[in-house]
Amino acid sequence: MNPWILSISLAYLLGSIPFGYLLVRIVRNEDIREQGSGNIGATNVARSGAKGLGLATLLLDMGKAYLAVIIARRVGAGNYDLAVTAAVVAVIGHVYPVWLGFRGGKGVASALGVFLALTWPAGVAILLIFAAVFSLTRYVSLASIVGLATFPLFGFHFVAQRTPMVIFGFLFIPLLIVLKHHGNIRRLLSGTESRFGSKSGPGTAAGKAGA
């Protein structure tokens, strides 16, 4: 099979696995989309009272995206354009999963996974920025936005290749995730965004403000 077709297909299928939804459904027989912010990502899963499942969601969402890029690099014999394409598709799969009517998460963990696979020094750099912003503010959304928005700076520093696909992928993924946080950005500007660890529940302002 053509390596591009194989890699892109696998990247979307892997990226679209809704681990947050599946874990909460299997372990607690609940629909995470009906709790808190309604998001299927790790933050909302943790805020629903299942911190262990939240951590598992984080690691699995990172892992599936990381794997998608590694497979593309192996199948494409190191073709970096193909790896970046797979990264873009894996994140799109998470944000728009076919299994949940194309309504998925915001792609933060998946983006970190693909960045670690594409250029681990840049991935570690944005992870450290995330940790610093989060420790200072306790806002998961702000830490995610700031951390991922800085990726192009680190990505282009550590990756010498400047093909159109690389440039597009390094800019598109952070932009997509920032746009998916439009509601969080509005709440941050208005001072109504909830900090991680604050008590929240379905239907409350804090609950709906989750990343």
N, C-alpha and C. Protein backbone atom coordinates (compact mmCIF):
# COMPACT_ATOMS: atom_id res chain seq x y z
N MET A 1 0.85 -1.20 0.00
CA MET A 1 0.00 0.00 0.00
C MET A 1 0.88 1.24 0.00
N ASN A 2 0.39 2.29 -0.63
CA ASN A 2 1.09 3.57 -0.65
C ASN A 2 1.34 4.05 0.78
N PRO A 3 2.59 4.41 1.13
CA PRO A 3 2.90 4.81 2.51
C PRO A 3 2.12 6.03 2.98
N TRP A 4 1.80 6.94 2.05
CA TRP A 4 1.03 8.12 2.43
C TRP A 4 -0.40 7.74 2.81
N ILE A 5 -1.04 6.91 2.00
CA ILE A 5 -2.41 6.50 2.30
C ILE A 5 -2.46 5.72 3.62
N LEU A 6 -1.51 4.80 3.80
CA LEU A 6 -1.47 3.99 5.01
C LEU A 6 -1.23 4.85 6.24
N SER A 7 -0.25 5.72 6.17
CA SER A 7 0.10 6.55 7.32
C SER A 7 -1.01 7.52 7.70
N ILE A 8 -1.60 8.15 6.70
CA ILE A 8 -2.66 9.12 6.98
C ILE A 8 -3.90 8.43 7.54
N SER A 9 -4.23 7.27 6.98
CA SER A 9 -5.40 6.53 7.47
C SER A 9 -5.20 6.10 8.92
N LEU A 10 -4.03 5.53 9.21
CA LEU A 10 -3.74 5.09 10.58
C LEU A 10 -3.68 6.27 11.54
N ALA A 11 -3.12 7.38 11.08
CA ALA A 11 -3.02 8.56 11.94
C ALA A 11 -4.40 9.06 12.35
N TYR A 12 -5.32 9.11 11.39
CA TYR A 12 -6.67 9.58 11.75
C TYR A 12 -7.37 8.59 12.68
N LEU A 13 -7.27 7.30 12.38
CA LEU A 13 -7.94 6.31 13.20
C LEU A 13 -7.38 6.28 14.62
N LEU A 14 -6.06 6.38 14.75
CA LEU A 14 -5.46 6.43 16.07
C LEU A 14 -5.85 7.72 16.80
N GLY A 15 -5.74 8.84 16.11
CA GLY A 15 -6.07 10.11 16.74
C GLY A 15 -7.51 10.21 17.18
N SER A 16 -8.39 9.53 16.47
CA SER A 16 -9.83 9.65 16.76
C SER A 16 -10.31 8.73 17.88
N ILE A 17 -9.43 7.90 18.43
CA ILE A 17 -9.85 7.05 19.55
C ILE A 17 -10.16 7.94 20.75
N PRO A 18 -11.41 7.98 21.21
CA PRO A 18 -11.80 8.90 22.30
C PRO A 18 -11.56 8.28 23.68
N PHE A 19 -10.30 8.25 24.09
CA PHE A 19 -9.96 7.55 25.32
C PHE A 19 -10.69 8.10 26.54
N GLY A 20 -10.83 9.42 26.64
CA GLY A 20 -11.54 9.99 27.78
C GLY A 20 -12.97 9.48 27.87
N TYR A 21 -13.63 9.49 26.74
CA TYR A 21 -15.01 8.99 26.69
C TYR A 21 -15.07 7.52 27.05
N LEU A 22 -14.18 6.73 26.46
CA LEU A 22 -14.20 5.28 26.66
C LEU A 22 -13.88 4.90 28.10
N LEU A 23 -12.88 5.53 28.69
CA LEU A 23 -12.49 5.18 30.07
C LEU A 23 -13.62 5.47 31.06
N VAL A 24 -14.22 6.64 30.93
CA VAL A 24 -15.31 6.99 31.85
C VAL A 24 -16.51 6.09 31.62
N ARG A 25 -16.79 5.77 30.38
CA ARG A 25 -17.92 4.89 30.06
C ARG A 25 -17.68 3.49 30.61
N ILE A 26 -16.47 2.97 30.45
CA ILE A 26 -16.16 1.60 30.89
C ILE A 26 -16.07 1.51 32.40
N VAL A 27 -15.37 2.43 33.03
CA VAL A 27 -15.11 2.35 34.47
C VAL A 27 -16.30 2.82 35.31
N ARG A 28 -16.94 3.89 34.86
CA ARG A 28 -18.00 4.48 35.69
C ARG A 28 -19.38 4.41 35.05
N ASN A 29 -19.45 3.89 33.83
CA ASN A 29 -20.72 3.81 33.10
C ASN A 29 -21.41 5.16 33.01
N GLU A 30 -20.60 6.19 32.73
CA GLU A 30 -21.10 7.54 32.59
C GLU A 30 -20.62 8.13 31.27
N ASP A 31 -21.31 9.17 30.82
CA ASP A 31 -20.91 9.87 29.61
C ASP A 31 -20.22 11.16 30.02
N ILE A 32 -18.90 11.24 29.80
CA ILE A 32 -18.15 12.42 30.21
C ILE A 32 -18.64 13.67 29.51
N ARG A 33 -19.30 13.52 28.37
CA ARG A 33 -19.81 14.67 27.64
C ARG A 33 -20.97 15.34 28.35
N GLU A 34 -21.53 14.65 29.36
CA GLU A 34 -22.63 15.21 30.14
C GLU A 34 -22.16 15.78 31.47
N GLN A 35 -20.86 15.87 31.65
CA GLN A 35 -20.31 16.36 32.90
C GLN A 35 -19.37 17.54 32.67
N GLY A 36 -19.33 18.44 33.64
CA GLY A 36 -18.40 19.57 33.56
C GLY A 36 -18.53 20.35 32.29
N SER A 37 -17.41 20.51 31.60
CA SER A 37 -17.39 21.28 30.35
C SER A 37 -17.94 20.50 29.17
N GLY A 38 -18.14 19.19 29.36
CA GLY A 38 -18.61 18.34 28.27
C GLY A 38 -17.51 17.88 27.36
N ASN A 39 -16.27 18.25 27.68
CA ASN A 39 -15.12 17.88 26.85
C ASN A 39 -14.66 16.47 27.19
N ILE A 40 -14.09 15.77 26.21
CA ILE A 40 -13.65 14.39 26.45
C ILE A 40 -12.18 14.33 26.84
N GLY A 41 -11.54 15.48 27.02
CA GLY A 41 -10.11 15.50 27.33
C GLY A 41 -9.79 15.22 28.78
N ALA A 42 -8.49 15.15 29.07
CA ALA A 42 -8.01 14.75 30.39
C ALA A 42 -8.45 15.71 31.49
N THR A 43 -8.48 17.00 31.22
CA THR A 43 -8.83 17.97 32.26
C THR A 43 -10.25 17.76 32.74
N ASN A 44 -11.19 17.61 31.82
CA ASN A 44 -12.58 17.42 32.23
C ASN A 44 -12.78 16.07 32.90
N VAL A 45 -12.07 15.05 32.43
CA VAL A 45 -12.17 13.74 33.06
C VAL A 45 -11.69 13.83 34.51
N ALA A 46 -10.57 14.51 34.73
CA ALA A 46 -10.04 14.67 36.09
C ALA A 46 -10.99 15.49 36.94
N ARG A 47 -11.56 16.53 36.36
CA ARG A 47 -12.48 17.40 37.12
C ARG A 47 -13.78 16.69 37.47
N SER A 48 -14.09 15.64 36.75
CA SER A 48 -15.34 14.92 37.03
C SER A 48 -15.23 14.09 38.30
N GLY A 49 -14.04 14.10 38.92
CA GLY A 49 -13.85 13.34 40.14
C GLY A 49 -13.04 12.08 39.93
N ALA A 50 -12.49 11.91 38.74
CA ALA A 50 -11.72 10.71 38.42
C ALA A 50 -10.31 11.12 38.01
N LYS A 51 -9.50 11.54 38.99
CA LYS A 51 -8.16 12.03 38.66
C LYS A 51 -7.29 10.94 38.04
N GLY A 52 -7.48 9.70 38.50
CA GLY A 52 -6.72 8.60 37.91
C GLY A 52 -7.07 8.40 36.46
N LEU A 53 -8.35 8.49 36.14
CA LEU A 53 -8.78 8.36 34.75
C LEU A 53 -8.32 9.56 33.94
N GLY A 54 -8.25 10.72 34.58
CA GLY A 54 -7.76 11.90 33.89
C GLY A 54 -6.31 11.73 33.47
N LEU A 55 -5.49 11.21 34.38
CA LEU A 55 -4.08 10.96 34.05
C LEU A 55 -3.96 9.91 32.96
N ALA A 56 -4.78 8.86 33.06
CA ALA A 56 -4.75 7.81 32.03
C ALA A 56 -5.15 8.38 30.67
N THR A 57 -6.16 9.25 30.66
CA THR A 57 -6.59 9.90 29.42
C THR A 57 -5.46 10.73 28.83
N LEU A 58 -4.78 11.49 29.67
CA LEU A 58 -3.67 12.32 29.22
C LEU A 58 -2.59 11.48 28.55
N LEU A 59 -2.19 10.41 29.21
CA LEU A 59 -1.11 9.58 28.69
C LEU A 59 -1.52 8.84 27.42
N LEU A 60 -2.76 8.36 27.39
CA LEU A 60 -3.24 7.63 26.22
C LEU A 60 -3.42 8.56 25.02
N ASP A 61 -3.92 9.77 25.25
CA ASP A 61 -4.07 10.73 24.16
C ASP A 61 -2.72 11.15 23.60
N MET A 62 -1.75 11.33 24.50
CA MET A 62 -0.39 11.62 24.03
C MET A 62 0.17 10.43 23.27
N GLY A 63 -0.02 9.24 23.83
CA GLY A 63 0.56 8.04 23.25
C GLY A 63 0.03 7.70 21.88
N LYS A 64 -1.27 7.86 21.67
CA LYS A 64 -1.85 7.51 20.37
C LYS A 64 -1.31 8.43 19.28
N ALA A 65 -1.16 9.72 19.60
CA ALA A 65 -0.65 10.68 18.62
C ALA A 65 0.84 10.45 18.36
N TYR A 66 1.57 10.18 19.42
CA TYR A 66 3.00 9.87 19.29
C TYR A 66 3.18 8.66 18.39
N LEU A 67 2.39 7.62 18.63
CA LEU A 67 2.48 6.40 17.84
C LEU A 67 2.17 6.65 16.37
N ALA A 68 1.19 7.50 16.11
CA ALA A 68 0.81 7.80 14.72
C ALA A 68 2.00 8.38 13.94
N VAL A 69 2.76 9.26 14.59
CA VAL A 69 3.92 9.87 13.92
C VAL A 69 5.05 8.86 13.76
N ILE A 70 5.28 8.06 14.79
CA ILE A 70 6.35 7.05 14.71
C ILE A 70 6.06 6.04 13.60
N ILE A 71 4.81 5.63 13.47
CA ILE A 71 4.44 4.70 12.40
C ILE A 71 4.70 5.33 11.04
N ALA A 72 4.33 6.61 10.90
CA ALA A 72 4.53 7.31 9.62
C ALA A 72 6.02 7.40 9.29
N ARG A 73 6.84 7.64 10.29
CA ARG A 73 8.28 7.74 10.04
C ARG A 73 8.86 6.40 9.62
N ARG A 74 8.33 5.32 10.22
CA ARG A 74 8.82 3.98 9.86
C ARG A 74 8.32 3.59 8.47
N VAL A 75 7.03 3.77 8.23
CA VAL A 75 6.44 3.40 6.95
C VAL A 75 7.04 4.23 5.81
N GLY A 76 7.29 5.50 6.08
CA GLY A 76 7.81 6.38 5.05
C GLY A 76 9.32 6.43 4.99
N ALA A 77 9.99 5.51 5.67
CA ALA A 77 11.46 5.44 5.65
C ALA A 77 12.10 6.78 6.04
N GLY A 78 11.52 7.41 7.06
CA GLY A 78 12.10 8.66 7.56
C GLY A 78 11.64 9.91 6.85
N ASN A 79 10.65 9.80 5.98
CA ASN A 79 10.13 10.97 5.27
C ASN A 79 9.50 11.94 6.28
N TYR A 80 10.16 13.07 6.50
CA TYR A 80 9.70 13.99 7.54
C TYR A 80 8.40 14.69 7.16
N ASP A 81 8.22 14.97 5.87
CA ASP A 81 6.96 15.56 5.43
C ASP A 81 5.79 14.64 5.75
N LEU A 82 5.99 13.36 5.54
CA LEU A 82 4.94 12.38 5.84
C LEU A 82 4.68 12.35 7.34
N ALA A 83 5.73 12.42 8.13
CA ALA A 83 5.56 12.41 9.58
C ALA A 83 4.77 13.63 10.05
N VAL A 84 5.07 14.80 9.49
CA VAL A 84 4.34 16.01 9.87
C VAL A 84 2.88 15.92 9.42
N THR A 85 2.66 15.37 8.24
CA THR A 85 1.29 15.19 7.76
C THR A 85 0.51 14.28 8.70
N ALA A 86 1.13 13.19 9.13
CA ALA A 86 0.49 12.27 10.06
C ALA A 86 0.20 12.97 11.39
N ALA A 87 1.11 13.85 11.81
CA ALA A 87 0.89 14.60 13.05
C ALA A 87 -0.35 15.48 12.95
N VAL A 88 -0.45 16.20 11.83
CA VAL A 88 -1.62 17.06 11.62
C VAL A 88 -2.90 16.24 11.62
N VAL A 89 -2.90 15.11 10.91
CA VAL A 89 -4.09 14.28 10.79
C VAL A 89 -4.45 13.64 12.13
N ALA A 90 -3.46 13.24 12.92
CA ALA A 90 -3.74 12.63 14.22
C ALA A 90 -4.43 13.63 15.15
N VAL A 91 -3.96 14.87 15.14
CA VAL A 91 -4.59 15.90 15.98
C VAL A 91 -6.00 16.20 15.48
N ILE A 92 -6.16 16.28 14.17
CA ILE A 92 -7.50 16.49 13.61
C ILE A 92 -8.42 15.34 14.01
N GLY A 93 -7.89 14.12 13.99
CA GLY A 93 -8.68 12.97 14.40
C GLY A 93 -9.17 13.09 15.83
N HIS A 94 -8.31 13.59 16.71
CA HIS A 94 -8.73 13.77 18.11
C HIS A 94 -9.79 14.86 18.24
N VAL A 95 -9.59 15.95 17.53
CA VAL A 95 -10.52 17.08 17.63
C VAL A 95 -11.85 16.77 16.93
N TYR A 96 -11.76 16.00 15.83
CA TYR A 96 -12.97 15.68 15.06
C TYR A 96 -13.06 14.17 14.84
N PRO A 97 -13.35 13.40 15.89
CA PRO A 97 -13.41 11.93 15.76
C PRO A 97 -14.71 11.47 15.11
N VAL A 98 -14.57 10.59 14.16
CA VAL A 98 -15.76 10.09 13.46
C VAL A 98 -16.68 9.34 14.41
N TRP A 99 -16.11 8.72 15.45
CA TRP A 99 -16.91 7.88 16.35
C TRP A 99 -17.87 8.69 17.22
N LEU A 100 -17.59 9.98 17.42
CA LEU A 100 -18.43 10.82 18.29
C LEU A 100 -19.05 11.97 17.51
N GLY A 101 -19.38 11.70 16.26
CA GLY A 101 -20.02 12.73 15.45
C GLY A 101 -19.13 13.92 15.19
N PHE A 102 -17.81 13.69 15.12
CA PHE A 102 -16.83 14.73 14.83
C PHE A 102 -16.78 15.81 15.91
N ARG A 103 -17.14 15.43 17.15
CA ARG A 103 -17.07 16.36 18.28
C ARG A 103 -16.16 15.74 19.34
N GLY A 104 -14.89 16.14 19.32
CA GLY A 104 -13.91 15.54 20.21
C GLY A 104 -13.33 16.53 21.19
N GLY A 105 -12.05 16.32 21.54
CA GLY A 105 -11.38 17.17 22.51
C GLY A 105 -10.72 18.37 21.86
N LYS A 106 -9.93 19.07 22.65
CA LYS A 106 -9.27 20.28 22.15
C LYS A 106 -7.87 20.01 21.64
N GLY A 107 -7.38 18.80 21.80
CA GLY A 107 -6.15 18.38 21.13
C GLY A 107 -4.84 18.70 21.83
N VAL A 108 -4.88 19.14 23.08
CA VAL A 108 -3.65 19.56 23.75
C VAL A 108 -2.70 18.37 23.95
N ALA A 109 -3.21 17.30 24.57
CA ALA A 109 -2.36 16.13 24.83
C ALA A 109 -1.89 15.49 23.53
N SER A 110 -2.77 15.42 22.55
CA SER A 110 -2.39 14.83 21.26
C SER A 110 -1.32 15.67 20.57
N ALA A 111 -1.45 16.99 20.66
CA ALA A 111 -0.44 17.86 20.06
C ALA A 111 0.91 17.66 20.74
N LEU A 112 0.91 17.54 22.05
CA LEU A 112 2.17 17.31 22.76
C LEU A 112 2.79 15.99 22.31
N GLY A 113 1.93 14.97 22.12
CA GLY A 113 2.43 13.68 21.66
C GLY A 113 3.10 13.75 20.31
N VAL A 114 2.47 14.45 19.36
CA VAL A 114 3.07 14.52 18.02
C VAL A 114 4.32 15.38 18.03
N PHE A 115 4.35 16.43 18.86
CA PHE A 115 5.54 17.28 18.92
C PHE A 115 6.73 16.52 19.50
N LEU A 116 6.46 15.69 20.51
CA LEU A 116 7.54 14.87 21.08
C LEU A 116 8.08 13.88 20.05
N ALA A 117 7.20 13.40 19.19
CA ALA A 117 7.63 12.45 18.16
C ALA A 117 8.37 13.14 17.02
N LEU A 118 7.98 14.38 16.71
CA LEU A 118 8.59 15.11 15.60
C LEU A 118 9.93 15.73 15.99
N THR A 119 9.99 16.30 17.18
CA THR A 119 11.19 16.93 17.68
C THR A 119 11.11 17.00 19.20
N TRP A 120 11.66 15.99 19.87
CA TRP A 120 11.47 15.89 21.31
C TRP A 120 12.01 17.08 22.10
N PRO A 121 13.12 17.72 21.67
CA PRO A 121 13.56 18.90 22.45
C PRO A 121 12.51 20.01 22.47
N ALA A 122 11.85 20.24 21.32
CA ALA A 122 10.80 21.26 21.27
C ALA A 122 9.61 20.83 22.11
N GLY A 123 9.29 19.53 22.07
CA GLY A 123 8.19 19.02 22.89
C GLY A 123 8.45 19.22 24.37
N VAL A 124 9.67 18.94 24.80
CA VAL A 124 10.03 19.13 26.20
C VAL A 124 9.98 20.61 26.57
N ALA A 125 10.41 21.47 25.66
CA ALA A 125 10.41 22.91 25.93
C ALA A 125 9.00 23.43 26.17
N ILE A 126 8.05 23.05 25.33
CA ILE A 126 6.68 23.55 25.53
C ILE A 126 6.04 22.90 26.76
N LEU A 127 6.45 21.68 27.10
CA LEU A 127 5.95 21.05 28.31
C LEU A 127 6.42 21.81 29.54
N LEU A 128 7.67 22.27 29.53
CA LEU A 128 8.21 23.06 30.64
C LEU A 128 7.50 24.41 30.74
N ILE A 129 7.20 25.02 29.59
CA ILE A 129 6.46 26.28 29.61
C ILE A 129 5.07 26.07 30.16
N PHE A 130 4.42 24.99 29.72
CA PHE A 130 3.10 24.66 30.26
C PHE A 130 3.16 24.54 31.78
N ALA A 131 4.14 23.79 32.27
CA ALA A 131 4.27 23.56 33.71
C ALA A 131 4.49 24.87 34.46
N ALA A 132 5.31 25.76 33.90
CA ALA A 132 5.60 27.04 34.55
C ALA A 132 4.34 27.91 34.62
N VAL A 133 3.63 28.03 33.50
CA VAL A 133 2.42 28.87 33.48
C VAL A 133 1.34 28.28 34.39
N PHE A 134 1.20 26.97 34.34
CA PHE A 134 0.18 26.33 35.18
C PHE A 134 0.51 26.50 36.67
N SER A 135 1.78 26.34 37.04
CA SER A 135 2.15 26.47 38.45
C SER A 135 1.91 27.88 38.97
N LEU A 136 2.04 28.87 38.09
CA LEU A 136 1.84 30.26 38.48
C LEU A 136 0.37 30.66 38.51
N THR A 137 -0.44 30.08 37.62
CA THR A 137 -1.83 30.55 37.46
C THR A 137 -2.89 29.53 37.84
N ARG A 138 -2.56 28.26 37.75
CA ARG A 138 -3.51 27.15 37.94
C ARG A 138 -4.58 27.11 36.85
N TYR A 139 -4.32 27.78 35.74
CA TYR A 139 -5.23 27.72 34.59
C TYR A 139 -4.67 26.72 33.58
N VAL A 140 -5.36 25.60 33.41
CA VAL A 140 -4.93 24.62 32.41
C VAL A 140 -5.04 25.21 31.01
N SER A 141 -6.11 25.93 30.77
CA SER A 141 -6.33 26.49 29.43
C SER A 141 -5.24 27.49 29.06
N LEU A 142 -4.91 28.40 29.97
CA LEU A 142 -3.87 29.40 29.69
C LEU A 142 -2.52 28.73 29.47
N ALA A 143 -2.20 27.76 30.32
CA ALA A 143 -0.93 27.05 30.17
C ALA A 143 -0.86 26.32 28.84
N SER A 144 -1.98 25.74 28.42
CA SER A 144 -2.04 25.03 27.14
C SER A 144 -1.85 25.98 25.98
N ILE A 145 -2.54 27.10 26.02
CA ILE A 145 -2.48 28.08 24.94
C ILE A 145 -1.07 28.65 24.81
N VAL A 146 -0.49 29.06 25.93
CA VAL A 146 0.84 29.66 25.90
C VAL A 146 1.89 28.64 25.47
N GLY A 147 1.82 27.44 26.07
CA GLY A 147 2.79 26.41 25.74
C GLY A 147 2.78 26.04 24.28
N LEU A 148 1.59 25.76 23.74
CA LEU A 148 1.50 25.32 22.35
C LEU A 148 1.74 26.46 21.37
N ALA A 149 1.38 27.67 21.76
CA ALA A 149 1.63 28.82 20.87
C ALA A 149 3.12 29.07 20.65
N THR A 150 3.94 28.63 21.60
CA THR A 150 5.38 28.83 21.46
C THR A 150 6.05 27.72 20.65
N PHE A 151 5.30 26.68 20.30
CA PHE A 151 5.94 25.56 19.60
C PHE A 151 6.66 25.96 18.31
N PRO A 152 6.07 26.79 17.44
CA PRO A 152 6.79 27.14 16.21
C PRO A 152 8.19 27.70 16.47
N LEU A 153 8.35 28.46 17.54
CA LEU A 153 9.67 29.02 17.85
C LEU A 153 10.68 27.90 18.11
N PHE A 154 10.28 26.95 18.94
CA PHE A 154 11.17 25.84 19.25
C PHE A 154 11.27 24.85 18.09
N GLY A 155 10.15 24.59 17.45
CA GLY A 155 10.15 23.64 16.35
C GLY A 155 11.07 24.04 15.23
N PHE A 156 10.99 25.31 14.82
CA PHE A 156 11.85 25.77 13.73
C PHE A 156 13.31 25.93 14.17
N HIS A 157 13.51 26.05 15.47
CA HIS A 157 14.89 26.11 15.97
C HIS A 157 15.56 24.75 15.91
N PHE A 158 14.83 23.72 16.30
CA PHE A 158 15.42 22.39 16.39
C PHE A 158 15.30 21.58 15.09
N VAL A 159 14.44 21.99 14.18
CA VAL A 159 14.25 21.27 12.92
C VAL A 159 14.72 22.16 11.77
N ALA A 160 15.73 21.70 11.08
CA ALA A 160 16.31 22.51 10.00
C ALA A 160 15.47 22.48 8.73
N GLN A 161 14.68 21.44 8.55
CA GLN A 161 13.89 21.29 7.33
C GLN A 161 12.82 22.37 7.25
N ARG A 162 12.68 22.99 6.09
CA ARG A 162 11.73 24.09 5.92
C ARG A 162 10.85 23.87 4.70
N THR A 163 10.34 22.68 4.51
CA THR A 163 9.45 22.42 3.39
C THR A 163 8.09 23.06 3.68
N PRO A 164 7.29 23.28 2.66
CA PRO A 164 5.95 23.84 2.90
C PRO A 164 5.13 23.02 3.90
N MET A 165 5.25 21.68 3.85
CA MET A 165 4.47 20.84 4.76
C MET A 165 4.92 21.03 6.20
N VAL A 166 6.21 21.14 6.42
CA VAL A 166 6.73 21.34 7.77
C VAL A 166 6.26 22.70 8.31
N ILE A 167 6.39 23.73 7.49
CA ILE A 167 5.96 25.06 7.92
C ILE A 167 4.46 25.06 8.23
N PHE A 168 3.68 24.45 7.34
CA PHE A 168 2.24 24.39 7.55
C PHE A 168 1.90 23.64 8.84
N GLY A 169 2.48 22.46 9.02
CA GLY A 169 2.15 21.64 10.19
C GLY A 169 2.54 22.29 11.49
N PHE A 170 3.72 22.91 11.52
CA PHE A 170 4.21 23.54 12.75
C PHE A 170 3.36 24.75 13.14
N LEU A 171 2.71 25.37 12.16
CA LEU A 171 1.85 26.52 12.44
C LEU A 171 0.39 26.12 12.63
N PHE A 172 -0.06 25.13 11.84
CA PHE A 172 -1.47 24.76 11.85
C PHE A 172 -1.88 24.13 13.18
N ILE A 173 -1.09 23.21 13.70
CA ILE A 173 -1.50 22.50 14.92
C ILE A 173 -1.68 23.47 16.09
N PRO A 174 -0.70 24.34 16.40
CA PRO A 174 -0.94 25.30 17.49
C PRO A 174 -2.14 26.21 17.24
N LEU A 175 -2.29 26.65 15.97
CA LEU A 175 -3.40 27.54 15.65
C LEU A 175 -4.74 26.86 15.87
N LEU A 176 -4.85 25.60 15.44
CA LEU A 176 -6.10 24.85 15.63
C LEU A 176 -6.45 24.76 17.11
N ILE A 177 -5.46 24.47 17.94
CA ILE A 177 -5.73 24.29 19.36
C ILE A 177 -6.08 25.61 20.04
N VAL A 178 -5.40 26.67 19.64
CA VAL A 178 -5.76 27.98 20.19
C VAL A 178 -7.19 28.34 19.81
N LEU A 179 -7.57 28.09 18.57
CA LEU A 179 -8.94 28.38 18.13
C LEU A 179 -9.97 27.53 18.89
N LYS A 180 -9.61 26.27 19.20
CA LYS A 180 -10.52 25.41 19.96
C LYS A 180 -10.70 25.90 21.39
N HIS A 181 -9.81 26.78 21.84
CA HIS A 181 -9.91 27.34 23.19
C HIS A 181 -10.58 28.72 23.18
N HIS A 182 -11.33 29.02 22.14
CA HIS A 182 -11.92 30.36 22.03
C HIS A 182 -12.80 30.69 23.22
N GLY A 183 -13.54 29.69 23.70
CA GLY A 183 -14.39 29.92 24.87
C GLY A 183 -13.57 30.19 26.12
N ASN A 184 -12.50 29.44 26.28
CA ASN A 184 -11.61 29.65 27.43
C ASN A 184 -10.96 31.03 27.38
N ILE A 185 -10.58 31.45 26.16
CA ILE A 185 -9.97 32.77 26.02
C ILE A 185 -10.94 33.87 26.44
N ARG A 186 -12.20 33.75 26.04
CA ARG A 186 -13.21 34.73 26.46
C ARG A 186 -13.34 34.77 27.98
N ARG A 187 -13.35 33.57 28.60
CA ARG A 187 -13.51 33.53 30.05
C ARG A 187 -12.26 34.04 30.77
N LEU A 188 -11.10 33.78 30.20
CA LEU A 188 -9.87 34.31 30.79
C LEU A 188 -9.89 35.84 30.76
N LEU A 189 -10.32 36.40 29.65
CA LEU A 189 -10.36 37.86 29.52
C LEU A 189 -11.40 38.48 30.44
N SER A 190 -12.50 37.74 30.68
CA SER A 190 -13.56 38.28 31.55
C SER A 190 -13.36 37.91 33.01
N GLY A 191 -12.36 37.08 33.30
CA GLY A 191 -12.08 36.70 34.68
C GLY A 191 -12.98 35.63 35.23
N THR A 192 -13.65 34.87 34.36
CA THR A 192 -14.58 33.84 34.82
C THR A 192 -14.08 32.42 34.59
N GLU A 193 -12.88 32.27 34.06
CA GLU A 193 -12.32 30.94 33.85
C GLU A 193 -12.00 30.29 35.20
N SER A 194 -12.27 29.00 35.32
CA SER A 194 -12.01 28.31 36.58
C SER A 194 -10.59 27.79 36.63
N ARG A 195 -10.00 27.83 37.81
CA ARG A 195 -8.66 27.30 38.02
C ARG A 195 -8.75 25.82 38.33
N PHE A 196 -7.73 25.07 37.92
CA PHE A 196 -7.73 23.63 38.17
C PHE A 196 -7.69 23.39 39.67
N GLY A 197 -8.57 22.50 40.11
CA GLY A 197 -8.65 22.20 41.53
C GLY A 197 -9.80 22.90 42.21
N SER A 198 -10.40 23.90 41.52
CA SER A 198 -11.56 24.56 42.10
C SER A 198 -12.77 23.66 41.97
N LYS A 199 -13.68 23.75 42.89
CA LYS A 199 -14.85 22.89 42.88
C LYS A 199 -15.76 23.31 41.74
N SER A 200 -16.17 22.32 40.97
CA SER A 200 -17.05 22.60 39.84
C SER A 200 -17.91 21.39 39.60
N GLY A 201 -18.99 21.60 38.92
CA GLY A 201 -19.87 20.48 38.61
C GLY A 201 -20.67 20.79 37.39
N PRO A 202 -21.41 19.82 36.88
CA PRO A 202 -22.21 20.05 35.69
C PRO A 202 -23.19 21.18 35.91
N GLY A 203 -23.23 22.06 34.94
CA GLY A 203 -24.20 23.14 34.99
C GLY A 203 -23.69 24.38 35.71
N THR A 204 -22.57 24.28 36.46
CA THR A 204 -22.04 25.45 37.14
C THR A 204 -21.14 26.23 36.20
N ALA A 205 -20.94 27.49 36.54
CA ALA A 205 -20.06 28.30 35.70
C ALA A 205 -18.67 27.74 35.67
N ALA A 206 -18.20 27.29 36.84
CA ALA A 206 -16.85 26.71 36.90
C ALA A 206 -16.78 25.42 36.12
N GLY A 207 -17.83 24.63 36.23
CA GLY A 207 -17.83 23.36 35.52
C GLY A 207 -17.78 23.53 34.03
N LYS A 208 -18.47 24.54 33.52
CA LYS A 208 -18.51 24.76 32.08
C LYS A 208 -17.26 25.44 31.56
N ALA A 209 -16.40 25.89 32.47
CA ALA A 209 -15.22 26.62 32.04
C ALA A 209 -14.00 25.74 31.87
N GLY A 210 -14.16 24.46 32.03
CA GLY A 210 -13.00 23.58 31.97
C GLY A 210 -12.37 23.51 30.60
N ALA A 211 -11.08 23.19 30.60
CA ALA A 211 -10.38 23.01 29.34
C ALA A 211 -10.72 21.68 28.76
